[in-house]
Amino acid sequence: MSRAVEGIYILGTDRVRKDFLRRLSILVDDRMLRIHAWALMHGHFHLLAEPLEATLSCSMHRLLTGFSAAYNRRMDRKGHVFQGRFHSILVEYETYFRTLVGYIHLNPLRAGIVHSLAELEQYPWTGHPALIGTSCCDWMEQSLIKEIFNRESIDWREGYLEYLSNYSGCQNQYMTTGTFRIGHDGIMQIEGDNIEAQESGSMGILGSKAFAVVEYKIMQKARGAHLRNRREQHDSIEKAILQVCNAFHVDVNSLKNGCRTSVISRARFKLVGILIEEIGISQADTAVLLGISQPAVHHILAKRISQKYFNETYANIQTN
């Protein structure tokens, strides 16, 4: 999310909104981002975005820099268009994804731009009309939303609309701040809604305490990674790949070409742990090496740490 400087209505006309969405769709086409939900307001925007083949910072820099330059030329102005760096929160899919979709798509209704769900269906500047079929947005990803509401209703659209109609305002409290922040001093639970007062360099987490613990451990590992001799590192990588292939009886090409069989997935799960936790290469380099996306590597690493965390917790309970 990002807000315009000085309260200006940077997204107040159809022309600039279309330009913003055109630029966003290019990022999707270039496989930099996947967009699950979105809303353009007069002076700010919300995106539920998943990084793919580029970091979130790289994608947002390309989006906001290009848009801001065009906006300044059009308005014959100079200077910043948005208030500093964009604000982002890491979202736990299992607990808050659905809530965040509702929060984002209901923004125009909450702000009084539209006055009912029926009006929202015709409002073209959120992903909501695309979900219910009153407009088309071919660059918006809908599979996860369908998956969520398919589990709860025979017709996922009916389930989605029922959820929006029953959406509680109390659910909004942490949507722009997160439930936790993780940084140099550890994990801090959010107790206010002042984003500006939050620790510089920390990461917002919208999820459970267990999720925050896993992400904190990932952050610690990234910060604790040390430089190694490139020749030694290369030899270690080749040795690790060979060992995993022999242990799981798979060939190197299958491991690197994105194959998703159960055996390959288990081998890749093991190899990600060795490459990142033992050899110390980055998640981005691991993704390139294995031919998968960086979010996929992050997911594997989080799952590994989560399993270790809960195994240790269970062992402590048994001991006590």
C-alpha atoms as a PDB file:
ATOM      1  CA  MET A   1       0.000   0.000   0.000  1.00  0.00           C
ATOM      2  CA  SER A   2       1.104   3.563  -0.584  1.00  0.00           C
ATOM      3  CA  ARG A   3      -0.421   6.973  -0.037  1.00  0.00           C
ATOM      4  CA  ALA A   4       0.019  10.197  -2.039  1.00  0.00           C
ATOM      5  CA  VAL A   5       1.862  13.186  -0.593  1.00  0.00           C
ATOM      6  CA  GLU A   6      -0.041  16.133   0.837  1.00  0.00           C
ATOM      7  CA  GLY A   7      -3.368  14.327   0.542  1.00  0.00           C
ATOM      8  CA  ILE A   8      -3.594  14.891  -3.203  1.00  0.00           C
ATOM      9  CA  TYR A   9      -6.040  12.779  -5.202  1.00  0.00           C
ATOM     10  CA  ILE A  10      -3.338  11.124  -7.258  1.00  0.00           C
ATOM     11  CA  LEU A  11      -5.752   8.391  -8.417  1.00  0.00           C
ATOM     12  CA  GLY A  12      -8.743  10.664  -8.697  1.00  0.00           C
ATOM     13  CA  THR A  13      -9.382  10.383 -12.448  1.00  0.00           C
ATOM     14  CA  ASP A  14     -10.062   7.469 -14.761  1.00  0.00           C
ATOM     15  CA  ARG A  15      -7.072   8.421 -16.899  1.00  0.00           C
ATOM     16  CA  VAL A  16      -4.487   8.049 -14.133  1.00  0.00           C
ATOM     17  CA  ARG A  17      -6.202   4.946 -12.738  1.00  0.00           C
ATOM     18  CA  LYS A  18      -6.020   3.267 -16.132  1.00  0.00           C
ATOM     19  CA  ASP A  19      -2.363   4.209 -16.420  1.00  0.00           C
ATOM     20  CA  PHE A  20      -1.642   2.721 -12.979  1.00  0.00           C
ATOM     21  CA  LEU A  21      -3.449  -0.548 -13.824  1.00  0.00           C
ATOM     22  CA  ARG A  22      -1.740  -0.759 -17.216  1.00  0.00           C
ATOM     23  CA  ARG A  23       1.647  -0.565 -15.528  1.00  0.00           C
ATOM     24  CA  LEU A  24       0.580  -3.114 -12.933  1.00  0.00           C
ATOM     25  CA  SER A  25      -0.601  -5.534 -15.621  1.00  0.00           C
ATOM     26  CA  ILE A  26       2.811  -5.304 -17.322  1.00  0.00           C
ATOM     27  CA  LEU A  27       4.483  -6.461 -14.096  1.00  0.00           C
ATOM     28  CA  VAL A  28       2.092  -9.416 -14.039  1.00  0.00           C
ATOM     29  CA  ASP A  29       2.787 -10.235 -17.692  1.00  0.00           C
ATOM     30  CA  ASP A  30       6.530 -10.073 -16.983  1.00  0.00           C
ATOM     31  CA  ARG A  31       6.063 -12.557 -14.115  1.00  0.00           C
ATOM     32  CA  MET A  32       7.320 -10.086 -11.543  1.00  0.00           C
ATOM     33  CA  LEU A  33       4.116 -10.136  -9.495  1.00  0.00           C
ATOM     34  CA  ARG A  34       0.893 -12.069  -9.017  1.00  0.00           C
ATOM     35  CA  ILE A  35      -2.060  -9.945  -7.846  1.00  0.00           C
ATOM     36  CA  HIS A  36      -4.813 -11.585  -5.755  1.00  0.00           C
ATOM     37  CA  ALA A  37      -6.784  -8.488  -4.689  1.00  0.00           C
ATOM     38  CA  TRP A  38      -6.562  -4.744  -5.335  1.00  0.00           C
ATOM     39  CA  ALA A  39      -8.296  -1.430  -4.787  1.00  0.00           C
ATOM     40  CA  LEU A  40      -7.537   2.053  -6.094  1.00  0.00           C
ATOM     41  CA  MET A  41      -8.755   4.884  -3.902  1.00  0.00           C
ATOM     42  CA  HIS A  42      -8.486   8.610  -4.606  1.00  0.00           C
ATOM     43  CA  GLY A  43      -5.239   9.135  -2.713  1.00  0.00           C
ATOM     44  CA  HIS A  44      -3.852   5.643  -2.101  1.00  0.00           C
ATOM     45  CA  PHE A  45      -3.974   2.027  -3.240  1.00  0.00           C
ATOM     46  CA  HIS A  46      -3.955  -1.473  -1.754  1.00  0.00           C
ATOM     47  CA  LEU A  47      -2.474  -4.570  -3.418  1.00  0.00           C
ATOM     48  CA  LEU A  48      -2.439  -8.165  -2.226  1.00  0.00           C
ATOM     49  CA  ALA A  49       0.651  -9.123  -4.203  1.00  0.00           C
ATOM     50  CA  GLU A  50       2.859 -12.205  -4.470  1.00  0.00           C
ATOM     51  CA  PRO A  51       6.429 -11.711  -5.752  1.00  0.00           C
ATOM     52  CA  LEU A  52       7.483 -14.141  -8.463  1.00  0.00           C
ATOM     53  CA  GLU A  53      10.659 -13.642 -10.505  1.00  0.00           C
ATOM     54  CA  ALA A  54      11.648 -10.330  -8.895  1.00  0.00           C
ATOM     55  CA  THR A  55      11.726  -8.972  -5.368  1.00  0.00           C
ATOM     56  CA  LEU A  56       8.788  -6.941  -4.150  1.00  0.00           C
ATOM     57  CA  SER A  57      11.031  -3.876  -3.845  1.00  0.00           C
ATOM     58  CA  CYS A  58      12.147  -4.180  -7.460  1.00  0.00           C
ATOM     59  CA  SER A  59       8.574  -4.559  -8.714  1.00  0.00           C
ATOM     60  CA  MET A  60       7.204  -1.669  -6.676  1.00  0.00           C
ATOM     61  CA  HIS A  61      10.112   0.589  -7.654  1.00  0.00           C
ATOM     62  CA  ARG A  62       9.371  -0.051 -11.321  1.00  0.00           C
ATOM     63  CA  LEU A  63       5.640   0.520 -10.825  1.00  0.00           C
ATOM     64  CA  LEU A  64       5.787   3.652  -8.672  1.00  0.00           C
ATOM     65  CA  THR A  65       8.755   5.331 -10.344  1.00  0.00           C
ATOM     66  CA  GLY A  66       7.271   5.004 -13.821  1.00  0.00           C
ATOM     67  CA  PHE A  67       3.810   6.052 -12.683  1.00  0.00           C
ATOM     68  CA  SER A  68       5.126   9.040 -10.687  1.00  0.00           C
ATOM     69  CA  ALA A  69       7.244  10.319 -13.581  1.00  0.00           C
ATOM     70  CA  ALA A  70       4.282  10.135 -15.959  1.00  0.00           C
ATOM     71  CA  TYR A  71       2.001  11.788 -13.412  1.00  0.00           C
ATOM     72  CA  ASN A  72       4.420  14.692 -12.885  1.00  0.00           C
ATOM     73  CA  ARG A  73       4.776  15.237 -16.631  1.00  0.00           C
ATOM     74  CA  ARG A  74       1.025  15.187 -17.071  1.00  0.00           C
ATOM     75  CA  MET A  75       0.413  17.598 -14.182  1.00  0.00           C
ATOM     76  CA  ASP A  76       3.481  19.771 -14.925  1.00  0.00           C
ATOM     77  CA  ARG A  77       4.794  19.307 -11.388  1.00  0.00           C
ATOM     78  CA  LYS A  78       8.020  18.147  -9.708  1.00  0.00           C
ATOM     79  CA  GLY A  79       8.884  16.233  -6.569  1.00  0.00           C
ATOM     80  CA  HIS A  80       7.635  13.153  -4.797  1.00  0.00           C
ATOM     81  CA  VAL A  81       4.224  11.747  -5.598  1.00  0.00           C
ATOM     82  CA  PHE A  82       3.955   9.084  -2.858  1.00  0.00           C
ATOM     83  CA  GLN A  83       4.800   9.354   0.836  1.00  0.00           C
ATOM     84  CA  GLY A  84       8.215   7.713   0.998  1.00  0.00           C
ATOM     85  CA  ARG A  85       8.671   4.002   0.502  1.00  0.00           C
ATOM     86  CA  PHE A  86       5.616   1.795   0.003  1.00  0.00           C
ATOM     87  CA  HIS A  87       4.338  -0.003   3.119  1.00  0.00           C
ATOM     88  CA  SER A  88       4.181  -3.807   3.020  1.00  0.00           C
ATOM     89  CA  ILE A  89       3.154  -6.632   5.372  1.00  0.00           C
ATOM     90  CA  LEU A  90       3.886 -10.340   5.007  1.00  0.00           C
ATOM     91  CA  VAL A  91       0.598 -12.273   5.131  1.00  0.00           C
ATOM     92  CA  GLU A  92       0.011 -15.768   6.493  1.00  0.00           C
ATOM     93  CA  TYR A  93      -2.249 -17.440   3.933  1.00  0.00           C
ATOM     94  CA  GLU A  94      -3.966 -19.860   6.312  1.00  0.00           C
ATOM     95  CA  THR A  95      -5.164 -17.227   8.796  1.00  0.00           C
ATOM     96  CA  TYR A  96      -5.477 -13.807   7.161  1.00  0.00           C
ATOM     97  CA  PHE A  97      -5.580 -14.125   3.362  1.00  0.00           C
ATOM     98  CA  ARG A  98      -9.384 -14.267   3.198  1.00  0.00           C
ATOM     99  CA  THR A  99      -9.785 -11.414   5.689  1.00  0.00           C
ATOM    100  CA  LEU A 100      -7.403  -9.217   3.720  1.00  0.00           C
ATOM    101  CA  VAL A 101      -9.231  -9.869   0.442  1.00  0.00           C
ATOM    102  CA  GLY A 102     -12.424  -8.644   2.108  1.00  0.00           C
ATOM    103  CA  TYR A 103     -10.717  -5.622   3.644  1.00  0.00           C
ATOM    104  CA  ILE A 104      -9.161  -4.527   0.340  1.00  0.00           C
ATOM    105  CA  HIS A 105     -12.209  -4.994  -1.854  1.00  0.00           C
ATOM    106  CA  LEU A 106     -14.530  -3.264   0.650  1.00  0.00           C
ATOM    107  CA  ASN A 107     -12.356  -0.115   0.783  1.00  0.00           C
ATOM    108  CA  PRO A 108     -14.614   1.937  -1.560  1.00  0.00           C
ATOM    109  CA  LEU A 109     -17.693   0.989   0.472  1.00  0.00           C
ATOM    110  CA  ARG A 110     -15.990   1.798   3.752  1.00  0.00           C
ATOM    111  CA  ALA A 111     -14.840   5.181   2.372  1.00  0.00           C
ATOM    112  CA  GLY A 112     -18.316   6.092   1.125  1.00  0.00           C
ATOM    113  CA  ILE A 113     -17.338   6.116  -2.552  1.00  0.00           C
ATOM    114  CA  VAL A 114     -20.062   3.502  -3.098  1.00  0.00           C
ATOM    115  CA  HIS A 115     -22.937   2.839  -0.703  1.00  0.00           C
ATOM    116  CA  SER A 116     -23.776  -0.835  -1.124  1.00  0.00           C
ATOM    117  CA  LEU A 117     -22.416  -4.161  -2.360  1.00  0.00           C
ATOM    118  CA  ALA A 118     -24.650  -3.753  -5.416  1.00  0.00           C
ATOM    119  CA  GLU A 119     -22.880  -0.478  -6.260  1.00  0.00           C
ATOM    120  CA  LEU A 120     -19.506  -2.069  -5.534  1.00  0.00           C
ATOM    121  CA  GLU A 121     -20.240  -4.657  -8.230  1.00  0.00           C
ATOM    122  CA  GLN A 122     -20.174  -1.849 -10.792  1.00  0.00           C
ATOM    123  CA  TYR A 123     -17.182   0.013  -9.343  1.00  0.00           C
ATOM    124  CA  PRO A 124     -14.326  -0.705 -11.786  1.00  0.00           C
ATOM    125  CA  TRP A 125     -11.373   0.237  -9.586  1.00  0.00           C
ATOM    126  CA  THR A 126     -11.152  -2.870  -7.397  1.00  0.00           C
ATOM    127  CA  GLY A 127     -10.809  -6.575  -8.156  1.00  0.00           C
ATOM    128  CA  HIS A 128     -14.300  -7.256  -6.777  1.00  0.00           C
ATOM    129  CA  PRO A 129     -16.262  -6.929 -10.067  1.00  0.00           C
ATOM    130  CA  ALA A 130     -13.814  -9.310 -11.771  1.00  0.00           C
ATOM    131  CA  LEU A 131     -14.428 -11.932  -9.081  1.00  0.00           C
ATOM    132  CA  ILE A 132     -18.202 -11.846  -9.404  1.00  0.00           C
ATOM    133  CA  GLY A 133     -18.160 -11.589 -13.198  1.00  0.00           C
ATOM    134  CA  THR A 134     -19.444  -8.059 -13.837  1.00  0.00           C
ATOM    135  CA  SER A 135     -16.131  -7.000 -15.397  1.00  0.00           C
ATOM    136  CA  CYS A 136     -12.952  -8.582 -16.768  1.00  0.00           C
ATOM    137  CA  CYS A 137      -9.479  -8.341 -15.264  1.00  0.00           C
ATOM    138  CA  ASP A 138      -7.420 -11.033 -16.984  1.00  0.00           C
ATOM    139  CA  TRP A 139      -4.205 -10.202 -15.116  1.00  0.00           C
ATOM    140  CA  MET A 140      -5.756 -10.761 -11.668  1.00  0.00           C
ATOM    141  CA  GLU A 141      -5.139 -14.170 -10.071  1.00  0.00           C
ATOM    142  CA  GLN A 142      -8.365 -15.746  -8.762  1.00  0.00           C
ATOM    143  CA  SER A 143      -7.400 -19.356  -8.017  1.00  0.00           C
ATOM    144  CA  LEU A 144      -6.608 -18.966  -4.299  1.00  0.00           C
ATOM    145  CA  ILE A 145      -9.800 -17.008  -3.629  1.00  0.00           C
ATOM    146  CA  LYS A 146     -11.822 -19.663  -5.441  1.00  0.00           C
ATOM    147  CA  GLU A 147     -10.049 -22.372  -3.456  1.00  0.00           C
ATOM    148  CA  ILE A 148     -10.913 -20.701  -0.144  1.00  0.00           C
ATOM    149  CA  PHE A 149     -14.596 -20.203  -0.846  1.00  0.00           C
ATOM    150  CA  ASN A 150     -15.007 -23.542  -2.657  1.00  0.00           C
ATOM    151  CA  ARG A 151     -14.259 -25.168   0.707  1.00  0.00           C
ATOM    152  CA  GLU A 152     -17.084 -23.236   2.350  1.00  0.00           C
ATOM    153  CA  SER A 153     -19.838 -23.093  -0.266  1.00  0.00           C
ATOM    154  CA  ILE A 154     -21.167 -25.086  -3.211  1.00  0.00           C
ATOM    155  CA  ASP A 155     -20.899 -21.916  -5.289  1.00  0.00           C
ATOM    156  CA  TRP A 156     -17.693 -20.053  -4.419  1.00  0.00           C
ATOM    157  CA  ARG A 157     -19.102 -16.728  -5.615  1.00  0.00           C
ATOM    158  CA  GLU A 158     -22.093 -17.085  -3.296  1.00  0.00           C
ATOM    159  CA  GLY A 159     -19.727 -17.887  -0.442  1.00  0.00           C
ATOM    160  CA  TYR A 160     -17.549 -14.890  -1.276  1.00  0.00           C
ATOM    161  CA  LEU A 161     -20.506 -12.479  -1.425  1.00  0.00           C
ATOM    162  CA  GLU A 162     -21.954 -13.857   1.803  1.00  0.00           C
ATOM    163  CA  TYR A 163     -18.579 -13.350   3.482  1.00  0.00           C
ATOM    164  CA  LEU A 164     -18.447  -9.720   2.338  1.00  0.00           C
ATOM    165  CA  SER A 165     -21.993  -9.043   3.503  1.00  0.00           C
ATOM    166  CA  ASN A 166     -21.103 -10.367   6.975  1.00  0.00           C
ATOM    167  CA  TYR A 167     -17.650  -8.753   7.119  1.00  0.00           C
ATOM    168  CA  SER A 168     -17.050  -7.243  10.551  1.00  0.00           C
ATOM    169  CA  GLY A 169     -15.403  -3.861  11.016  1.00  0.00           C
ATOM    170  CA  CYS A 170     -13.414  -5.228  13.955  1.00  0.00           C
ATOM    171  CA  GLN A 171     -11.443  -7.306  11.452  1.00  0.00           C
ATOM    172  CA  ASN A 172      -9.883  -4.127  10.066  1.00  0.00           C
ATOM    173  CA  GLN A 173      -7.737  -3.364  13.107  1.00  0.00           C
ATOM    174  CA  TYR A 174      -4.532  -5.028  11.928  1.00  0.00           C
ATOM    175  CA  MET A 175      -4.963  -4.951   8.150  1.00  0.00           C
ATOM    176  CA  THR A 176      -2.585  -2.008   7.642  1.00  0.00           C
ATOM    177  CA  THR A 177      -0.200  -2.620  10.553  1.00  0.00           C
ATOM    178  CA  GLY A 178       0.056  -6.376  10.928  1.00  0.00           C
ATOM    179  CA  THR A 179      -0.351  -8.404  14.101  1.00  0.00           C
ATOM    180  CA  PHE A 180       3.404  -8.601  14.802  1.00  0.00           C
ATOM    181  CA  ARG A 181       6.634  -6.938  13.742  1.00  0.00           C
ATOM    182  CA  ILE A 182       9.981  -8.693  13.581  1.00  0.00           C
ATOM    183  CA  GLY A 183      13.303  -6.886  13.614  1.00  0.00           C
ATOM    184  CA  HIS A 184      16.689  -6.665  15.287  1.00  0.00           C
ATOM    185  CA  ASP A 185      15.116  -6.876  18.752  1.00  0.00           C
ATOM    186  CA  GLY A 186      12.984  -9.924  18.040  1.00  0.00           C
ATOM    187  CA  ILE A 187       9.198 -10.259  17.756  1.00  0.00           C
ATOM    188  CA  MET A 188       6.891  -7.459  18.900  1.00  0.00           C
ATOM    189  CA  GLN A 189       3.120  -7.723  19.054  1.00  0.00           C
ATOM    190  CA  ILE A 190       1.308  -4.757  17.490  1.00  0.00           C
ATOM    191  CA  GLU A 191      -0.834  -2.834  19.947  1.00  0.00           C
ATOM    192  CA  GLY A 192      -1.527   0.358  17.986  1.00  0.00           C
ATOM    193  CA  ASP A 193      -2.218   1.499  14.452  1.00  0.00           C
ATOM    194  CA  ASN A 194       0.558   4.086  14.030  1.00  0.00           C
ATOM    195  CA  ILE A 195       2.657   2.793  11.136  1.00  0.00           C
ATOM    196  CA  GLU A 196       5.060   5.721  11.319  1.00  0.00           C
ATOM    197  CA  ALA A 197       6.084   4.800  14.878  1.00  0.00           C
ATOM    198  CA  GLN A 198       7.083   1.276  13.966  1.00  0.00           C
ATOM    199  CA  GLU A 199      10.726   0.269  14.101  1.00  0.00           C
ATOM    200  CA  SER A 200      12.750   1.155  11.031  1.00  0.00           C
ATOM    201  CA  GLY A 201      14.011  -1.906   9.163  1.00  0.00           C
ATOM    202  CA  SER A 202      11.481  -4.236  10.750  1.00  0.00           C
ATOM    203  CA  MET A 203       8.983  -6.423   8.903  1.00  0.00           C
ATOM    204  CA  GLY A 204       5.242  -6.366   9.460  1.00  0.00           C
ATOM    205  CA  ILE A 205       3.569  -9.757   9.898  1.00  0.00           C
ATOM    206  CA  LEU A 206      -0.150 -10.369   9.447  1.00  0.00           C
ATOM    207  CA  GLY A 207      -0.560 -13.802  10.966  1.00  0.00           C
ATOM    208  CA  SER A 208      -0.179 -15.997  14.016  1.00  0.00           C
ATOM    209  CA  LYS A 209       2.615 -15.969  16.595  1.00  0.00           C
ATOM    210  CA  ALA A 210       3.911 -19.280  15.214  1.00  0.00           C
ATOM    211  CA  PHE A 211       4.127 -17.757  11.717  1.00  0.00           C
ATOM    212  CA  ALA A 212       6.010 -14.749  13.112  1.00  0.00           C
ATOM    213  CA  VAL A 213       8.463 -17.096  14.862  1.00  0.00           C
ATOM    214  CA  VAL A 214       9.171 -18.958  11.611  1.00  0.00           C
ATOM    215  CA  GLU A 215       9.716 -15.722   9.668  1.00  0.00           C
ATOM    216  CA  TYR A 216      11.972 -14.369  12.418  1.00  0.00           C
ATOM    217  CA  LYS A 217      14.150 -17.480  12.201  1.00  0.00           C
ATOM    218  CA  ILE A 218      14.371 -17.034   8.426  1.00  0.00           C
ATOM    219  CA  MET A 219      15.419 -13.413   8.933  1.00  0.00           C
ATOM    220  CA  GLN A 220      18.081 -14.472  11.442  1.00  0.00           C
ATOM    221  CA  LYS A 221      19.491 -17.008   9.009  1.00  0.00           C
ATOM    222  CA  ALA A 222      19.628 -14.410   6.235  1.00  0.00           C
ATOM    223  CA  ARG A 223      21.407 -11.917   8.455  1.00  0.00           C
ATOM    224  CA  GLY A 224      23.775 -14.564   9.766  1.00  0.00           C
ATOM    225  CA  ALA A 225      24.856 -15.763   6.335  1.00  0.00           C
ATOM    226  CA  HIS A 226      28.579 -15.202   5.819  1.00  0.00           C
ATOM    227  CA  LEU A 227      30.700 -14.794   2.720  1.00  0.00           C
ATOM    228  CA  ARG A 228      32.395 -17.918   1.458  1.00  0.00           C
ATOM    229  CA  ASN A 229      35.046 -18.724  -1.102  1.00  0.00           C
ATOM    230  CA  ARG A 230      33.154 -19.004  -4.397  1.00  0.00           C
ATOM    231  CA  ARG A 231      35.110 -22.064  -5.550  1.00  0.00           C
ATOM    232  CA  GLU A 232      34.461 -23.859  -2.273  1.00  0.00           C
ATOM    233  CA  GLN A 233      30.817 -22.859  -2.384  1.00  0.00           C
ATOM    234  CA  HIS A 234      30.426 -24.114  -5.959  1.00  0.00           C
ATOM    235  CA  ASP A 235      32.016 -27.448  -5.030  1.00  0.00           C
ATOM    236  CA  SER A 236      29.739 -27.734  -1.991  1.00  0.00           C
ATOM    237  CA  ILE A 237      26.660 -27.054  -4.124  1.00  0.00           C
ATOM    238  CA  GLU A 238      27.587 -29.693  -6.693  1.00  0.00           C
ATOM    239  CA  LYS A 239      28.329 -32.191  -3.924  1.00  0.00           C
ATOM    240  CA  ALA A 240      24.992 -31.492  -2.209  1.00  0.00           C
ATOM    241  CA  ILE A 241      23.041 -31.914  -5.452  1.00  0.00           C
ATOM    242  CA  LEU A 242      24.773 -35.230  -6.169  1.00  0.00           C
ATOM    243  CA  GLN A 243      24.155 -36.518  -2.648  1.00  0.00           C
ATOM    244  CA  VAL A 244      20.449 -35.647  -2.743  1.00  0.00           C
ATOM    245  CA  CYS A 245      19.995 -37.139  -6.217  1.00  0.00           C
ATOM    246  CA  ASN A 246      21.638 -40.391  -5.092  1.00  0.00           C
ATOM    247  CA  ALA A 247      19.648 -40.524  -1.848  1.00  0.00           C
ATOM    248  CA  PHE A 248      16.287 -40.049  -3.590  1.00  0.00           C
ATOM    249  CA  HIS A 249      17.216 -41.880  -6.820  1.00  0.00           C
ATOM    250  CA  VAL A 250      16.416 -38.931  -9.075  1.00  0.00           C
ATOM    251  CA  ASP A 251      18.390 -37.266 -11.844  1.00  0.00           C
ATOM    252  CA  VAL A 252      19.689 -33.722 -11.768  1.00  0.00           C
ATOM    253  CA  ASN A 253      17.564 -32.496 -14.691  1.00  0.00           C
ATOM    254  CA  SER A 254      14.329 -33.560 -12.996  1.00  0.00           C
ATOM    255  CA  LEU A 255      15.386 -31.748  -9.852  1.00  0.00           C
ATOM    256  CA  LYS A 256      16.063 -28.522 -11.769  1.00  0.00           C
ATOM    257  CA  ASN A 257      13.237 -28.380 -14.303  1.00  0.00           C
ATOM    258  CA  GLY A 258      10.314 -27.658 -11.960  1.00  0.00           C
ATOM    259  CA  CYS A 259       9.012 -31.243 -11.873  1.00  0.00           C
ATOM    260  CA  ARG A 260       6.453 -31.730  -9.066  1.00  0.00           C
ATOM    261  CA  THR A 261       6.293 -35.477  -8.432  1.00  0.00           C
ATOM    262  CA  SER A 262       6.233 -36.492  -4.769  1.00  0.00           C
ATOM    263  CA  VAL A 263       9.781 -37.883  -4.904  1.00  0.00           C
ATOM    264  CA  ILE A 264      11.155 -34.769  -6.595  1.00  0.00           C
ATOM    265  CA  SER A 265       9.333 -32.540  -4.105  1.00  0.00           C
ATOM    266  CA  ARG A 266      10.880 -34.421  -1.163  1.00  0.00           C
ATOM    267  CA  ALA A 267      14.329 -34.242  -2.752  1.00  0.00           C
ATOM    268  CA  ARG A 268      13.935 -30.523  -3.438  1.00  0.00           C
ATOM    269  CA  PHE A 269      12.734 -29.993   0.148  1.00  0.00           C
ATOM    270  CA  LYS A 270      15.926 -31.643   1.425  1.00  0.00           C
ATOM    271  CA  LEU A 271      18.189 -29.791  -1.012  1.00  0.00           C
ATOM    272  CA  VAL A 272      16.772 -26.348  -0.187  1.00  0.00           C
ATOM    273  CA  GLY A 273      17.628 -26.959   3.448  1.00  0.00           C
ATOM    274  CA  ILE A 274      21.222 -27.914   2.621  1.00  0.00           C
ATOM    275  CA  LEU A 275      21.801 -25.057   0.183  1.00  0.00           C
ATOM    276  CA  ILE A 276      20.434 -22.310   2.429  1.00  0.00           C
ATOM    277  CA  GLU A 277      20.930 -23.575   5.972  1.00  0.00           C
ATOM    278  CA  GLU A 278      24.277 -25.335   5.560  1.00  0.00           C
ATOM    279  CA  ILE A 279      26.025 -23.889   2.512  1.00  0.00           C
ATOM    280  CA  GLY A 280      24.587 -20.418   2.995  1.00  0.00           C
ATOM    281  CA  ILE A 281      23.493 -19.356  -0.500  1.00  0.00           C
ATOM    282  CA  SER A 282      20.596 -16.932  -0.870  1.00  0.00           C
ATOM    283  CA  GLN A 283      16.963 -17.816  -1.515  1.00  0.00           C
ATOM    284  CA  ALA A 284      17.161 -16.019  -4.874  1.00  0.00           C
ATOM    285  CA  ASP A 285      20.204 -18.051  -5.983  1.00  0.00           C
ATOM    286  CA  THR A 286      18.567 -21.257  -4.766  1.00  0.00           C
ATOM    287  CA  ALA A 287      15.475 -20.461  -6.849  1.00  0.00           C
ATOM    288  CA  VAL A 288      17.573 -19.949  -9.983  1.00  0.00           C
ATOM    289  CA  LEU A 289      19.555 -23.122  -9.323  1.00  0.00           C
ATOM    290  CA  LEU A 290      16.420 -25.267  -8.927  1.00  0.00           C
ATOM    291  CA  GLY A 291      14.336 -23.600 -11.619  1.00  0.00           C
ATOM    292  CA  ILE A 292      11.547 -22.548  -9.245  1.00  0.00           C
ATOM    293  CA  SER A 293      10.275 -19.177  -8.009  1.00  0.00           C
ATOM    294  CA  GLN A 294      11.750 -17.410  -4.998  1.00  0.00           C
ATOM    295  CA  PRO A 295       8.372 -17.527  -3.143  1.00  0.00           C
ATOM    296  CA  ALA A 296       8.435 -21.317  -3.640  1.00  0.00           C
ATOM    297  CA  VAL A 297      11.884 -21.475  -2.045  1.00  0.00           C
ATOM    298  CA  HIS A 298      10.688 -19.246   0.784  1.00  0.00           C
ATOM    299  CA  HIS A 299       7.687 -21.522   1.322  1.00  0.00           C
ATOM    300  CA  ILE A 300       9.921 -24.619   1.527  1.00  0.00           C
ATOM    301  CA  LEU A 301      12.286 -22.907   3.949  1.00  0.00           C
ATOM    302  CA  ALA A 302       9.412 -21.698   6.121  1.00  0.00           C
ATOM    303  CA  LYS A 303       7.964 -25.212   6.177  1.00  0.00           C
ATOM    304  CA  ARG A 304      11.323 -26.663   7.227  1.00  0.00           C
ATOM    305  CA  ILE A 305      11.739 -24.150  10.038  1.00  0.00           C
ATOM    306  CA  SER A 306       8.113 -24.577  11.103  1.00  0.00           C
ATOM    307  CA  GLN A 307       8.519 -28.351  11.359  1.00  0.00           C
ATOM    308  CA  LYS A 308      11.708 -27.941  13.392  1.00  0.00           C
ATOM    309  CA  TYR A 309      10.069 -25.334  15.654  1.00  0.00           C
ATOM    310  CA  PHE A 310       7.034 -27.482  16.386  1.00  0.00           C
ATOM    311  CA  ASN A 311       9.125 -30.636  16.837  1.00  0.00           C
ATOM    312  CA  GLU A 312      11.264 -28.805  19.411  1.00  0.00           C
ATOM    313  CA  THR A 313       8.172 -27.426  21.134  1.00  0.00           C
ATOM    314  CA  TYR A 314       6.551 -30.864  21.276  1.00  0.00           C
ATOM    315  CA  ALA A 315       9.747 -32.407  22.636  1.00  0.00           C
ATOM    316  CA  ASN A 316       9.871 -29.787  25.401  1.00  0.00           C
ATOM    317  CA  ILE A 317       6.256 -30.507  26.317  1.00  0.00           C
ATOM    318  CA  GLN A 318       6.977 -34.226  26.479  1.00  0.00           C
ATOM    319  CA  THR A 319      10.056 -33.629  28.638  1.00  0.00           C
ATOM    320  CA  ASN A 320       8.174 -31.375  31.053  1.00  0.00           C
END
